C-alpha atoms as a PDB file:
ATOM      1  CA  MET A   1       1.072   9.104  25.998  1.00  0.00           C
ATOM      2  CA  ILE A   2       4.028   6.666  25.753  1.00  0.00           C
ATOM      3  CA  LYS A   3       1.587   3.694  26.565  1.00  0.00           C
ATOM      4  CA  PHE A   4      -0.589   4.718  23.661  1.00  0.00           C
ATOM      5  CA  ILE A   5       2.276   5.083  21.280  1.00  0.00           C
ATOM      6  CA  LYS A   6       3.543   1.575  22.262  1.00  0.00           C
ATOM      7  CA  THR A   7       0.011   0.182  22.008  1.00  0.00           C
ATOM      8  CA  THR A   8      -0.425   1.684  18.665  1.00  0.00           C
ATOM      9  CA  ALA A   9       2.877   0.571  17.329  1.00  0.00           C
ATOM     10  CA  LEU A  10       2.107  -3.051  18.527  1.00  0.00           C
ATOM     11  CA  LEU A  11      -1.358  -3.016  16.909  1.00  0.00           C
ATOM     12  CA  LEU A  12       0.244  -1.690  13.541  1.00  0.00           C
ATOM     13  CA  LEU A  13       2.845  -4.587  13.785  1.00  0.00           C
ATOM     14  CA  VAL A  14       0.109  -7.244  14.132  1.00  0.00           C
ATOM     15  CA  VAL A  15      -1.821  -5.760  11.285  1.00  0.00           C
ATOM     16  CA  ILE A  16       1.221  -5.894   9.046  1.00  0.00           C
ATOM     17  CA  ILE A  17       2.270  -9.509  10.080  1.00  0.00           C
ATOM     18  CA  THR A  18      -1.217 -10.836   9.599  1.00  0.00           C
ATOM     19  CA  SER A  19      -1.800  -9.215   6.381  1.00  0.00           C
ATOM     20  CA  CYS A  20       1.448 -10.606   5.016  1.00  0.00           C
ATOM     21  CA  ASN A  21       0.357 -14.210   6.007  1.00  0.00           C
ATOM     22  CA  SER A  22      -3.181 -14.235   4.742  1.00  0.00           C
ATOM     23  CA  VAL A  23      -4.114 -15.541   1.218  1.00  0.00           C
ATOM     24  CA  ARG A  24      -6.563 -13.250  -0.577  1.00  0.00           C
ATOM     25  CA  VAL A  25      -8.745 -15.237  -2.625  1.00  0.00           C
ATOM     26  CA  VAL A  26     -11.427 -14.534  -5.354  1.00  0.00           C
ATOM     27  CA  SER A  27     -13.283 -16.818  -7.806  1.00  0.00           C
ATOM     28  CA  ASP A  28     -15.272 -16.515 -10.914  1.00  0.00           C
ATOM     29  CA  TYR A  29     -17.377 -19.087 -12.732  1.00  0.00           C
ATOM     30  CA  ASP A  30     -19.787 -19.920 -15.518  1.00  0.00           C
ATOM     31  CA  LYS A  31     -23.319 -19.519 -14.269  1.00  0.00           C
ATOM     32  CA  ASN A  32     -24.646 -21.930 -16.991  1.00  0.00           C
ATOM     33  CA  ALA A  33     -22.177 -24.723 -15.904  1.00  0.00           C
ATOM     34  CA  SER A  34     -23.684 -27.764 -14.274  1.00  0.00           C
ATOM     35  CA  PHE A  35     -21.135 -28.322 -11.494  1.00  0.00           C
ATOM     36  CA  ASN A  36     -23.057 -31.380 -10.156  1.00  0.00           C
ATOM     37  CA  ASN A  37     -22.054 -33.351 -13.404  1.00  0.00           C
ATOM     38  CA  TYR A  38     -18.333 -33.020 -12.827  1.00  0.00           C
ATOM     39  CA  LYS A  39     -16.899 -36.107 -11.112  1.00  0.00           C
ATOM     40  CA  THR A  40     -13.682 -36.874 -12.708  1.00  0.00           C
ATOM     41  CA  PHE A  41     -10.514 -34.671 -13.502  1.00  0.00           C
ATOM     42  CA  ALA A  42      -7.190 -34.770 -15.186  1.00  0.00           C
ATOM     43  CA  PHE A  43      -4.304 -32.131 -15.377  1.00  0.00           C
ATOM     44  CA  PHE A  44      -3.936 -30.094 -18.417  1.00  0.00           C
ATOM     45  CA  LYS A  45      -0.305 -30.531 -19.158  1.00  0.00           C
ATOM     46  CA  THR A  46      -0.163 -27.862 -22.091  1.00  0.00           C
ATOM     47  CA  GLY A  47      -1.466 -25.248 -19.601  1.00  0.00           C
ATOM     48  CA  ILE A  48       0.662 -26.382 -16.618  1.00  0.00           C
ATOM     49  CA  ASP A  49       3.856 -26.482 -18.842  1.00  0.00           C
ATOM     50  CA  LYS A  50       3.388 -22.518 -19.334  1.00  0.00           C
ATOM     51  CA  ALA A  51       3.445 -21.891 -15.746  1.00  0.00           C
ATOM     52  CA  GLU A  52       6.603 -19.944 -14.924  1.00  0.00           C
ATOM     53  CA  ILE A  53       7.697 -21.755 -11.927  1.00  0.00           C
ATOM     54  CA  SER A  54      10.103 -24.519 -11.060  1.00  0.00           C
ATOM     55  CA  ASP A  55       8.893 -28.055 -11.750  1.00  0.00           C
ATOM     56  CA  LEU A  56       9.394 -28.798  -8.176  1.00  0.00           C
ATOM     57  CA  ASP A  57       6.807 -26.099  -7.225  1.00  0.00           C
ATOM     58  CA  LYS A  58       4.327 -27.248 -10.036  1.00  0.00           C
ATOM     59  CA  ARG A  59       4.438 -30.913  -8.445  1.00  0.00           C
ATOM     60  CA  ARG A  60       3.779 -29.416  -5.038  1.00  0.00           C
ATOM     61  CA  ILE A  61       0.869 -27.325  -6.395  1.00  0.00           C
ATOM     62  CA  LEU A  62      -0.492 -30.252  -8.476  1.00  0.00           C
ATOM     63  CA  ARG A  63      -0.392 -32.665  -5.553  1.00  0.00           C
ATOM     64  CA  ALA A  64      -2.184 -30.124  -3.200  1.00  0.00           C
ATOM     65  CA  ILE A  65      -4.907 -29.588  -5.933  1.00  0.00           C
ATOM     66  CA  GLU A  66      -5.280 -33.468  -6.379  1.00  0.00           C
ATOM     67  CA  THR A  67      -5.648 -33.852  -2.529  1.00  0.00           C
ATOM     68  CA  GLU A  68      -8.362 -31.114  -2.420  1.00  0.00           C
ATOM     69  CA  LEU A  69     -10.276 -32.382  -5.361  1.00  0.00           C
ATOM     70  CA  MET A  70     -10.335 -35.930  -3.995  1.00  0.00           C
ATOM     71  CA  ALA A  71     -11.448 -34.797  -0.735  1.00  0.00           C
ATOM     72  CA  LYS A  72     -14.447 -33.229  -2.558  1.00  0.00           C
ATOM     73  CA  GLY A  73     -15.224 -36.597  -4.163  1.00  0.00           C
ATOM     74  CA  PHE A  74     -13.523 -36.218  -7.562  1.00  0.00           C
ATOM     75  CA  THR A  75     -11.464 -39.111  -9.089  1.00  0.00           C
ATOM     76  CA  LYS A  76      -8.556 -38.834 -11.478  1.00  0.00           C
ATOM     77  CA  SER A  77      -9.242 -40.152 -14.887  1.00  0.00           C
ATOM     78  CA  ASP A  78      -8.031 -40.546 -18.237  1.00  0.00           C
ATOM     79  CA  ASN A  79     -11.312 -39.529 -19.557  1.00  0.00           C
ATOM     80  CA  PRO A  80     -12.138 -36.506 -17.432  1.00  0.00           C
ATOM     81  CA  ASP A  81     -15.044 -34.192 -16.885  1.00  0.00           C
ATOM     82  CA  LEU A  82     -12.704 -31.222 -15.947  1.00  0.00           C
ATOM     83  CA  LEU A  83      -9.217 -30.492 -16.934  1.00  0.00           C
ATOM     84  CA  VAL A  84      -7.176 -28.692 -14.205  1.00  0.00           C
ATOM     85  CA  SER A  85      -4.729 -25.924 -15.295  1.00  0.00           C
ATOM     86  CA  ILE A  86      -2.554 -23.432 -13.367  1.00  0.00           C
ATOM     87  CA  PHE A  87      -1.082 -20.073 -13.883  1.00  0.00           C
ATOM     88  CA  THR A  88       1.203 -18.018 -11.581  1.00  0.00           C
ATOM     89  CA  LYS A  89       2.407 -14.569 -11.326  1.00  0.00           C
ATOM     90  CA  SER A  90       4.886 -13.086  -8.765  1.00  0.00           C
ATOM     91  CA  SER A  91       6.356  -9.775  -7.993  1.00  0.00           C
ATOM     92  CA  GLU A  92       9.030  -8.551  -5.660  1.00  0.00           C
ATOM     93  CA  ARG A  93       7.696  -6.073  -3.020  1.00  0.00           C
ATOM     94  CA  ILE A  94      10.031  -3.401  -1.375  1.00  0.00           C
ATOM     95  CA  ASN A  95       8.610  -2.143   1.944  1.00  0.00           C
ATOM     96  CA  VAL A  96      10.011   1.084   3.334  1.00  0.00           C
ATOM     97  CA  PHE A  97       9.092   1.717   6.950  1.00  0.00           C
ATOM     98  CA  ASN A  98       9.896   5.131   8.630  1.00  0.00           C
ATOM     99  CA  ASN A  99       9.070   4.723  12.276  1.00  0.00           C
ATOM    100  CA  GLY A 100      10.083   8.258  13.498  1.00  0.00           C
ATOM    101  CA  PHE A 101       7.601  10.248  15.450  1.00  0.00           C
ATOM    102  CA  GLY A 102       8.671  13.790  14.805  1.00  0.00           C
ATOM    103  CA  PRO A 103       8.122  16.743  16.894  1.00  0.00           C
ATOM    104  CA  GLY A 104       6.325  15.759  20.389  1.00  0.00           C
ATOM    105  CA  PHE A 105       6.414  15.983  24.086  1.00  0.00           C
ATOM    106  CA  GLY A 106       9.325  14.479  26.079  1.00  0.00           C
ATOM    107  CA  TRP A 107      12.121  15.389  28.509  1.00  0.00           C
ATOM    108  CA  GLY A 108      14.914  17.551  27.203  1.00  0.00           C
ATOM    109  CA  TRP A 109      18.646  17.214  27.318  1.00  0.00           C
ATOM    110  CA  GLY A 110      18.844  19.935  30.029  1.00  0.00           C
ATOM    111  CA  TRP A 111      16.787  19.956  32.968  1.00  0.00           C
ATOM    112  CA  GLY A 112      12.927  20.241  32.873  1.00  0.00           C
ATOM    113  CA  TRP A 113      10.114  19.551  30.318  1.00  0.00           C
ATOM    114  CA  SER A 114      10.162  20.670  26.715  1.00  0.00           C
ATOM    115  CA  PRO A 115       6.896  20.508  24.715  1.00  0.00           C
ATOM    116  CA  PHE A 116       8.785  20.849  21.329  1.00  0.00           C
ATOM    117  CA  LEU A 117      11.513  18.259  21.630  1.00  0.00           C
ATOM    118  CA  TRP A 118      12.405  16.270  18.519  1.00  0.00           C
ATOM    119  CA  ASN A 119      12.816  12.761  19.713  1.00  0.00           C
ATOM    120  CA  ASN A 120      15.580  10.391  18.569  1.00  0.00           C
ATOM    121  CA  PHE A 121      13.408   7.497  17.306  1.00  0.00           C
ATOM    122  CA  ASN A 122      13.655   8.307  13.473  1.00  0.00           C
ATOM    123  CA  THR A 123      14.828   5.033  11.783  1.00  0.00           C
ATOM    124  CA  THR A 124      14.134   3.855   8.227  1.00  0.00           C
ATOM    125  CA  SER A 125      14.149   0.050   7.526  1.00  0.00           C
ATOM    126  CA  VAL A 126      13.638  -1.666   4.063  1.00  0.00           C
ATOM    127  CA  SER A 127      12.529  -5.229   3.572  1.00  0.00           C
ATOM    128  CA  ARG A 128      11.964  -7.217   0.477  1.00  0.00           C
ATOM    129  CA  SER A 129       9.061  -9.722   0.029  1.00  0.00           C
ATOM    130  CA  SER A 130       7.813 -11.845  -2.875  1.00  0.00           C
ATOM    131  CA  GLU A 131       4.173 -11.614  -3.630  1.00  0.00           C
ATOM    132  CA  GLY A 132       2.485 -14.148  -5.691  1.00  0.00           C
ATOM    133  CA  SER A 133      -0.776 -15.136  -7.391  1.00  0.00           C
ATOM    134  CA  LEU A 134      -1.905 -18.822  -8.036  1.00  0.00           C
ATOM    135  CA  TYR A 135      -4.747 -19.176 -10.622  1.00  0.00           C
ATOM    136  CA  ILE A 136      -6.368 -22.529 -10.770  1.00  0.00           C
ATOM    137  CA  ASP A 137      -8.627 -23.114 -13.940  1.00  0.00           C
ATOM    138  CA  LEU A 138     -11.101 -25.726 -14.253  1.00  0.00           C
ATOM    139  CA  ILE A 139     -12.049 -26.395 -17.906  1.00  0.00           C
ATOM    140  CA  ASP A 140     -15.006 -28.414 -19.214  1.00  0.00           C
ATOM    141  CA  ALA A 141     -13.135 -31.233 -20.875  1.00  0.00           C
ATOM    142  CA  LYS A 142     -15.910 -31.787 -23.664  1.00  0.00           C
ATOM    143  CA  LYS A 143     -16.562 -28.154 -24.386  1.00  0.00           C
ATOM    144  CA  LYS A 144     -12.943 -27.076 -23.918  1.00  0.00           C
ATOM    145  CA  GLU A 145     -14.350 -23.897 -21.967  1.00  0.00           C
ATOM    146  CA  LEU A 146     -13.232 -22.386 -18.802  1.00  0.00           C
ATOM    147  CA  VAL A 147     -16.037 -23.038 -16.178  1.00  0.00           C
ATOM    148  CA  TRP A 148     -14.276 -21.991 -12.914  1.00  0.00           C
ATOM    149  CA  GLN A 149     -11.276 -19.966 -11.828  1.00  0.00           C
ATOM    150  CA  GLY A 150      -9.918 -19.536  -8.372  1.00  0.00           C
ATOM    151  CA  THR A 151      -7.151 -17.089  -7.736  1.00  0.00           C
ATOM    152  CA  GLY A 152      -5.173 -16.802  -4.351  1.00  0.00           C
ATOM    153  CA  SER A 153      -2.545 -13.909  -3.797  1.00  0.00           C
ATOM    154  CA  GLY A 154      -0.352 -13.441  -0.956  1.00  0.00           C
ATOM    155  CA  TYR A 155       3.246 -13.438   0.399  1.00  0.00           C
ATOM    156  CA  LEU A 156       5.554 -16.384  -0.695  1.00  0.00           C
ATOM    157  CA  VAL A 157       7.884 -18.231   1.254  1.00  0.00           C
ATOM    158  CA  THR A 158      11.041 -19.153  -0.802  1.00  0.00           C
ATOM    159  CA  ARG A 159      13.936 -20.218   1.574  1.00  0.00           C
ATOM    160  CA  ASN A 160      12.602 -22.745   3.859  1.00  0.00           C
ATOM    161  CA  MET A 161      11.194 -25.827   2.120  1.00  0.00           C
ATOM    162  CA  GLU A 162       8.816 -27.016   4.789  1.00  0.00           C
ATOM    163  CA  LYS A 163       7.230 -23.556   5.064  1.00  0.00           C
ATOM    164  CA  LYS A 164       7.280 -23.364   1.180  1.00  0.00           C
ATOM    165  CA  GLU A 165       5.237 -26.468   0.878  1.00  0.00           C
ATOM    166  CA  ALA A 166       2.932 -25.583   3.760  1.00  0.00           C
ATOM    167  CA  ARG A 167       2.270 -22.074   1.957  1.00  0.00           C
ATOM    168  CA  ILE A 168       1.467 -23.702  -1.322  1.00  0.00           C
ATOM    169  CA  LYS A 169      -0.955 -26.131   0.506  1.00  0.00           C
ATOM    170  CA  GLU A 170      -2.529 -23.045   2.110  1.00  0.00           C
ATOM    171  CA  PHE A 171      -2.924 -21.222  -1.227  1.00  0.00           C
ATOM    172  CA  VAL A 172      -4.615 -24.289  -2.705  1.00  0.00           C
ATOM    173  CA  THR A 173      -6.755 -25.022   0.130  1.00  0.00           C
ATOM    174  CA  ASN A 174      -8.078 -21.492   0.474  1.00  0.00           C
ATOM    175  CA  ILE A 175      -8.668 -21.268  -3.270  1.00  0.00           C
ATOM    176  CA  MET A 176     -10.355 -24.649  -3.553  1.00  0.00           C
ATOM    177  CA  GLU A 177     -12.702 -23.663  -0.608  1.00  0.00           C
ATOM    178  CA  LYS A 178     -14.559 -21.431  -3.142  1.00  0.00           C
ATOM    179  CA  TYR A 179     -15.244 -24.437  -5.337  1.00  0.00           C
ATOM    180  CA  PRO A 180     -17.873 -25.504  -6.253  1.00  0.00           C
ATOM    181  CA  PRO A 181     -19.681 -22.147  -6.446  1.00  0.00           C
ATOM    182  CA  GLY A 182     -22.876 -21.784  -4.302  1.00  0.00           C
ATOM    183  CA  MET A 183     -22.442 -25.339  -2.718  1.00  0.00           C
ATOM    184  CA  GLY A 184     -20.849 -24.708   0.641  1.00  0.00           C
ATOM    185  CA  GLY A 185     -17.973 -22.606  -0.817  1.00  0.00           C
ATOM    186  CA  LYS A 186     -17.048 -19.546   1.180  1.00  0.00           C
END
C-alpha cells in the first residue's frame, strides 16, 4: 500500500513538472493564402510596439523569429511579402497543493494495528508561477491581411536570464514548427 502511494505521488509530480515545462501550441491560417509565394519578411513595428513586455524580451523574441524564418528560407527585406507582428499575454497562477491522505490504514500510537488512523501527512503548499502566451502574426504585406497566426502558451521563466532566453527560443521554435500550414508543420 505504501509503495503504491509513493509511486502514485511520484507519477503525479512528474506529470505536474512536465506539464509546466511544455509549450502548448495552436495555429490558424487563411486557407486562400498562397504560402509558397512568401519569400521575404520584415517586422511590423507598429504591432510590435503594442506588445506589453520589456524591450529586451521583444528583441529576444524577434531574434528567435528571425532565426526560425531564415532557417525556412526567408530573407529579411525592405519590401517584404510578409509582415511579422507579435502580441503577448501573461497571468499569475497560484497553485495550492494539499497532499494529505486523510483516514487510512497504519500503525497506531499505542501498540497494534488501527484501520482508521488519521495520518500526520496533511500539509498544504502554495506556489506562484507566471503563465504566458505569445502570438506570432504573419500579415500579407500587399493586402494588409492576417494570413497566419501561431500561439504558444506555457510557464514563463523570469529570474534566470539564460533560462529565460532558452524558454523564449523554445516558445518561438514550437510555434514556428506549425508554419507553413500543410507543408511539414506539425
